[in-house]
């Protein structure tokens, strides 16, 4: 499993936002995030291809997602490796989140 640089920055930003009001909750969020992404190494195809796949650039149509609380974890499967691409608030549009750093 690989967590890409953009996803690392996303997680750090989410942690800081939560920690502003609830430091313990922020630590718990990161711990549960790590547990979930580690679980993707076993049966990574159990989560669906992103619903917006039809509308996206051809090279992004293989992306999958999992909803984690109020957040969306976008990942891809390459060979036997799971790459975490982005993590962002589920209300945010995918196209805007991916525009900055395409995988």
N, C-alpha and C. Protein backbone atom coordinates (compact mmCIF):
# COMPACT_ATOMS: atom_id res chain seq x y z
N UNK A 1 0.83 -1.16 0.00
CA UNK A 1 0.00 0.00 0.00
C UNK A 1 0.89 1.24 0.00
N UNK A 2 0.51 2.20 -0.83
CA UNK A 2 1.26 3.45 -0.95
C UNK A 2 0.28 4.60 -0.73
N UNK A 3 0.65 5.53 0.12
CA UNK A 3 -0.14 6.74 0.29
C UNK A 3 0.60 7.84 -0.45
N UNK A 4 -0.02 8.33 -1.52
CA UNK A 4 0.61 9.36 -2.34
C UNK A 4 0.80 10.67 -1.59
N UNK A 5 1.66 11.51 -2.13
CA UNK A 5 1.99 12.78 -1.47
C UNK A 5 0.75 13.66 -1.29
N UNK A 6 -0.11 13.73 -2.29
CA UNK A 6 -1.32 14.54 -2.16
C UNK A 6 -2.22 14.00 -1.05
N UNK A 7 -2.35 12.68 -0.98
CA UNK A 7 -3.17 12.07 0.06
C UNK A 7 -2.58 12.31 1.44
N UNK A 8 -1.26 12.26 1.55
CA UNK A 8 -0.60 12.55 2.83
C UNK A 8 -0.91 13.98 3.28
N UNK A 9 -0.85 14.91 2.34
CA UNK A 9 -1.16 16.30 2.65
C UNK A 9 -2.62 16.45 3.04
N UNK A 10 -3.50 15.72 2.34
CA UNK A 10 -4.92 15.75 2.68
C UNK A 10 -5.15 15.29 4.12
N UNK A 11 -4.56 14.16 4.47
CA UNK A 11 -4.73 13.60 5.82
C UNK A 11 -4.18 14.56 6.86
N UNK A 12 -3.03 15.15 6.59
CA UNK A 12 -2.45 16.11 7.53
C UNK A 12 -3.37 17.31 7.73
N UNK A 13 -3.94 17.81 6.64
CA UNK A 13 -4.86 18.94 6.74
C UNK A 13 -6.12 18.59 7.50
N UNK A 14 -6.66 17.41 7.26
CA UNK A 14 -7.85 16.96 7.98
C UNK A 14 -7.54 16.82 9.47
N UNK A 15 -6.39 16.22 9.76
CA UNK A 15 -5.97 16.07 11.16
C UNK A 15 -5.91 17.43 11.85
N UNK A 16 -5.26 18.40 11.22
CA UNK A 16 -5.12 19.72 11.83
C UNK A 16 -6.47 20.40 12.04
N UNK A 17 -7.37 20.24 11.07
CA UNK A 17 -8.70 20.84 11.19
C UNK A 17 -9.46 20.25 12.37
N UNK A 18 -9.46 18.93 12.47
CA UNK A 18 -10.15 18.29 13.59
C UNK A 18 -9.48 18.63 14.91
N UNK A 19 -8.15 18.63 14.93
CA UNK A 19 -7.39 18.87 16.16
C UNK A 19 -7.59 20.28 16.72
N UNK A 20 -8.00 21.22 15.89
CA UNK A 20 -8.26 22.58 16.38
C UNK A 20 -9.26 22.57 17.53
N UNK A 21 -10.28 21.71 17.41
CA UNK A 21 -11.32 21.64 18.43
C UNK A 21 -11.23 20.39 19.30
N UNK A 22 -10.77 19.30 18.69
CA UNK A 22 -10.81 18.01 19.39
C UNK A 22 -9.55 17.20 19.09
N UNK A 23 -8.46 17.45 19.82
CA UNK A 23 -7.20 16.76 19.55
C UNK A 23 -7.29 15.23 19.65
N UNK A 24 -8.03 14.74 20.63
CA UNK A 24 -8.15 13.28 20.79
C UNK A 24 -8.92 12.69 19.60
N UNK A 25 -9.97 13.37 19.17
CA UNK A 25 -10.75 12.90 18.02
C UNK A 25 -9.88 12.88 16.77
N UNK A 26 -9.00 13.86 16.63
CA UNK A 26 -8.11 13.91 15.46
C UNK A 26 -7.17 12.71 15.45
N UNK A 27 -6.62 12.37 16.60
CA UNK A 27 -5.74 11.20 16.67
C UNK A 27 -6.51 9.92 16.36
N UNK A 28 -7.72 9.83 16.88
CA UNK A 28 -8.56 8.67 16.59
C UNK A 28 -8.89 8.57 15.11
N UNK A 29 -9.16 9.72 14.49
CA UNK A 29 -9.49 9.73 13.07
C UNK A 29 -8.32 9.18 12.25
N UNK A 30 -7.13 9.64 12.56
CA UNK A 30 -5.94 9.18 11.82
C UNK A 30 -5.72 7.69 12.06
N UNK A 31 -5.88 7.25 13.29
CA UNK A 31 -5.70 5.83 13.59
C UNK A 31 -6.69 4.97 12.80
N UNK A 32 -7.96 5.39 12.76
CA UNK A 32 -8.97 4.63 12.03
C UNK A 32 -8.75 4.72 10.51
N UNK A 33 -8.28 5.87 10.04
CA UNK A 33 -7.95 6.02 8.63
C UNK A 33 -6.87 5.01 8.24
N UNK A 34 -5.82 4.95 9.04
CA UNK A 34 -4.72 4.01 8.75
C UNK A 34 -5.20 2.57 8.78
N UNK A 35 -6.07 2.25 9.74
CA UNK A 35 -6.61 0.89 9.82
C UNK A 35 -7.39 0.55 8.55
N UNK A 36 -8.22 1.50 8.11
CA UNK A 36 -9.02 1.27 6.91
C UNK A 36 -8.15 1.09 5.67
N UNK A 37 -7.18 1.98 5.46
CA UNK A 37 -6.37 1.85 4.25
C UNK A 37 -5.50 0.60 4.28
N UNK A 38 -5.04 0.19 5.46
CA UNK A 38 -4.31 -1.08 5.54
C UNK A 38 -5.21 -2.24 5.13
N UNK A 39 -6.50 -2.15 5.48
CA UNK A 39 -7.42 -3.23 5.15
C UNK A 39 -7.65 -3.35 3.64
N UNK A 40 -7.33 -2.29 2.90
CA UNK A 40 -7.50 -2.34 1.44
C UNK A 40 -6.54 -3.31 0.77
N UNK A 41 -5.48 -3.67 1.45
CA UNK A 41 -4.54 -4.63 0.85
C UNK A 41 -5.18 -6.01 0.75
N UNK A 42 -6.22 -6.23 1.54
CA UNK A 42 -6.98 -7.47 1.46
C UNK A 42 -8.31 -7.15 0.78
N UNK A 43 -8.53 -7.69 -0.37
CA UNK A 43 -9.76 -7.47 -1.14
C UNK A 43 -9.99 -5.99 -1.50
N UNK A 44 -9.07 -5.36 -2.18
CA UNK A 44 -9.23 -3.93 -2.50
C UNK A 44 -10.39 -3.66 -3.45
N UNK A 45 -10.86 -4.67 -4.15
CA UNK A 45 -11.96 -4.46 -5.10
C UNK A 45 -13.32 -4.49 -4.43
N UNK A 46 -13.36 -4.62 -3.11
CA UNK A 46 -14.65 -4.68 -2.42
C UNK A 46 -15.39 -3.35 -2.45
N UNK A 47 -14.69 -2.25 -2.73
CA UNK A 47 -15.34 -0.96 -2.85
C UNK A 47 -15.50 -0.61 -4.33
N UNK A 48 -16.52 0.17 -4.63
CA UNK A 48 -16.91 0.42 -6.01
C UNK A 48 -15.98 1.38 -6.75
N UNK A 49 -16.03 1.26 -8.07
CA UNK A 49 -15.40 2.27 -8.92
C UNK A 49 -16.20 3.55 -8.70
N UNK A 50 -15.53 4.67 -8.69
CA UNK A 50 -16.21 5.93 -8.39
C UNK A 50 -17.38 6.16 -9.34
N UNK A 51 -18.51 6.63 -8.82
CA UNK A 51 -19.69 6.82 -9.66
C UNK A 51 -19.47 7.80 -10.81
N UNK A 52 -18.56 8.75 -10.63
CA UNK A 52 -18.31 9.74 -11.68
C UNK A 52 -17.42 9.22 -12.80
N UNK A 53 -17.07 7.96 -12.77
CA UNK A 53 -16.09 7.40 -13.72
C UNK A 53 -16.44 7.69 -15.17
N UNK A 54 -17.70 7.62 -15.52
CA UNK A 54 -18.11 7.87 -16.91
C UNK A 54 -17.76 9.28 -17.37
N UNK A 55 -17.76 10.22 -16.44
CA UNK A 55 -17.54 11.63 -16.78
C UNK A 55 -16.07 12.03 -16.77
N UNK A 56 -15.21 11.17 -16.26
CA UNK A 56 -13.81 11.53 -16.08
C UNK A 56 -12.95 11.16 -17.27
N UNK A 57 -11.79 11.75 -17.27
CA UNK A 57 -10.75 11.42 -18.23
C UNK A 57 -10.54 9.90 -18.22
N UNK A 58 -10.30 9.34 -19.37
CA UNK A 58 -10.14 7.88 -19.52
C UNK A 58 -9.14 7.29 -18.52
N UNK A 59 -8.05 7.99 -18.25
CA UNK A 59 -7.03 7.44 -17.36
C UNK A 59 -7.45 7.45 -15.89
N UNK A 60 -8.60 8.04 -15.57
CA UNK A 60 -9.07 8.07 -14.18
C UNK A 60 -10.24 7.13 -13.93
N UNK A 61 -10.69 6.44 -14.95
CA UNK A 61 -11.91 5.63 -14.82
C UNK A 61 -11.74 4.37 -13.98
N UNK A 62 -10.55 4.07 -13.58
CA UNK A 62 -10.30 2.89 -12.76
C UNK A 62 -10.28 3.20 -11.27
N UNK A 63 -10.40 4.48 -10.91
CA UNK A 63 -10.33 4.87 -9.51
C UNK A 63 -11.51 4.32 -8.71
N UNK A 64 -11.25 3.95 -7.48
CA UNK A 64 -12.27 3.45 -6.58
C UNK A 64 -12.35 4.39 -5.38
N UNK A 65 -13.42 4.23 -4.61
CA UNK A 65 -13.54 5.07 -3.42
C UNK A 65 -14.19 4.30 -2.28
N UNK A 66 -13.93 4.80 -1.10
CA UNK A 66 -14.58 4.32 0.11
C UNK A 66 -14.94 5.55 0.93
N UNK A 67 -16.16 5.56 1.45
CA UNK A 67 -16.60 6.66 2.30
C UNK A 67 -16.15 6.33 3.72
N UNK A 68 -15.50 7.29 4.34
CA UNK A 68 -14.97 7.14 5.69
C UNK A 68 -15.46 8.33 6.51
N UNK A 69 -16.56 8.15 7.22
CA UNK A 69 -17.19 9.26 7.94
C UNK A 69 -17.63 10.32 6.95
N UNK A 70 -17.16 11.54 7.12
CA UNK A 70 -17.50 12.63 6.20
C UNK A 70 -16.50 12.75 5.06
N UNK A 71 -15.62 11.80 4.92
CA UNK A 71 -14.54 11.89 3.95
C UNK A 71 -14.61 10.78 2.93
N UNK A 72 -13.97 11.02 1.84
CA UNK A 72 -13.93 10.09 0.74
C UNK A 72 -12.46 9.76 0.46
N UNK A 73 -12.15 8.50 0.45
CA UNK A 73 -10.79 8.04 0.16
C UNK A 73 -10.80 7.52 -1.27
N UNK A 74 -10.01 8.15 -2.13
CA UNK A 74 -9.90 7.75 -3.53
C UNK A 74 -8.63 6.94 -3.69
N UNK A 75 -8.75 5.77 -4.31
CA UNK A 75 -7.57 4.92 -4.47
C UNK A 75 -7.62 4.20 -5.81
N UNK A 76 -6.48 3.65 -6.17
CA UNK A 76 -6.37 2.85 -7.38
C UNK A 76 -5.63 1.57 -7.05
N UNK A 77 -5.89 0.57 -7.84
CA UNK A 77 -5.21 -0.71 -7.69
C UNK A 77 -4.30 -0.87 -8.90
N UNK A 78 -3.01 -1.02 -8.64
CA UNK A 78 -2.05 -1.25 -9.71
C UNK A 78 -1.32 -2.53 -9.40
N UNK A 79 -1.57 -3.51 -10.23
CA UNK A 79 -1.01 -4.83 -10.00
C UNK A 79 -1.52 -5.31 -8.64
N UNK A 80 -0.65 -5.50 -7.68
CA UNK A 80 -1.09 -5.93 -6.35
C UNK A 80 -0.90 -4.83 -5.31
N UNK A 81 -0.72 -3.61 -5.77
CA UNK A 81 -0.48 -2.49 -4.88
C UNK A 81 -1.68 -1.55 -4.88
N UNK A 82 -2.06 -1.11 -3.70
CA UNK A 82 -3.12 -0.12 -3.56
C UNK A 82 -2.46 1.23 -3.34
N UNK A 83 -2.82 2.19 -4.18
CA UNK A 83 -2.30 3.55 -4.08
C UNK A 83 -3.41 4.49 -3.63
N UNK A 84 -3.24 5.11 -2.49
CA UNK A 84 -4.20 6.10 -2.01
C UNK A 84 -3.88 7.40 -2.75
N UNK A 85 -4.86 7.91 -3.49
CA UNK A 85 -4.65 9.07 -4.35
C UNK A 85 -5.01 10.37 -3.65
N UNK A 86 -6.21 10.44 -3.07
CA UNK A 86 -6.68 11.65 -2.41
C UNK A 86 -7.60 11.28 -1.27
N UNK A 87 -7.72 12.18 -0.30
CA UNK A 87 -8.67 12.06 0.80
C UNK A 87 -9.27 13.44 0.97
N UNK A 88 -10.59 13.55 0.85
CA UNK A 88 -11.21 14.87 0.95
C UNK A 88 -12.63 14.76 1.46
N UNK A 89 -13.19 15.89 1.87
CA UNK A 89 -14.55 15.91 2.39
C UNK A 89 -15.49 15.41 1.30
N UNK A 90 -16.42 14.57 1.69
CA UNK A 90 -17.31 13.93 0.73
C UNK A 90 -18.20 14.92 -0.01
N UNK A 91 -18.43 16.09 0.56
CA UNK A 91 -19.26 17.10 -0.11
C UNK A 91 -18.51 17.81 -1.23
N UNK A 92 -17.20 17.68 -1.26
CA UNK A 92 -16.39 18.34 -2.29
C UNK A 92 -16.50 17.57 -3.60
N UNK A 93 -16.55 18.27 -4.70
CA UNK A 93 -16.63 17.61 -6.01
C UNK A 93 -15.32 16.93 -6.36
N UNK A 94 -15.42 15.73 -6.86
CA UNK A 94 -14.24 14.95 -7.20
C UNK A 94 -13.37 15.65 -8.23
N UNK A 95 -13.98 16.23 -9.24
CA UNK A 95 -13.21 16.88 -10.30
C UNK A 95 -12.32 17.98 -9.73
N UNK A 96 -12.81 18.71 -8.74
CA UNK A 96 -12.00 19.78 -8.13
C UNK A 96 -10.86 19.19 -7.30
N UNK A 97 -11.13 18.11 -6.60
CA UNK A 97 -10.10 17.49 -5.78
C UNK A 97 -8.99 16.88 -6.62
N UNK A 98 -9.35 16.31 -7.75
CA UNK A 98 -8.35 15.66 -8.59
C UNK A 98 -7.64 16.62 -9.52
N UNK A 99 -8.23 17.75 -9.80
CA UNK A 99 -7.65 18.71 -10.74
C UNK A 99 -6.24 19.10 -10.35
N UNK A 100 -6.01 19.24 -9.04
CA UNK A 100 -4.71 19.70 -8.57
C UNK A 100 -3.60 18.70 -8.86
N UNK A 101 -3.83 17.42 -8.59
CA UNK A 101 -2.80 16.40 -8.74
C UNK A 101 -3.40 15.14 -9.32
N UNK A 102 -3.35 15.00 -10.59
CA UNK A 102 -3.87 13.79 -11.21
C UNK A 102 -2.90 12.63 -10.96
N UNK A 103 -3.44 11.44 -10.72
CA UNK A 103 -2.54 10.29 -10.50
C UNK A 103 -1.80 9.90 -11.76
